[in-house]
């Protein structure tokens, strides 16, 4: 950033870089949306069948995530990042 060394404070860029290196940039750009290519990591916890960390394409819907983890009767969802 601005020609200076940049610290990476989370694992997501490393995960993306390893996949781009292995699969290629075109493969990575084929996922996600027109404005946000690729994937992101989501952590899911709480009352669901399969809590865990998931790699999903940008643009995934909340309904898709809830179905994927088996949260069939969700009444509330908190969406946040590592800082809350």
Foldseek 3Di string as FASTA:
>chain_A
DVPDDDDDDDCFVVVVVVCCVVPNPVVQQVFADPVDTHWGWDADDDPFQAGGIDIHTHPDDPVNVCVVRHVPPDDDDDDDDPVD
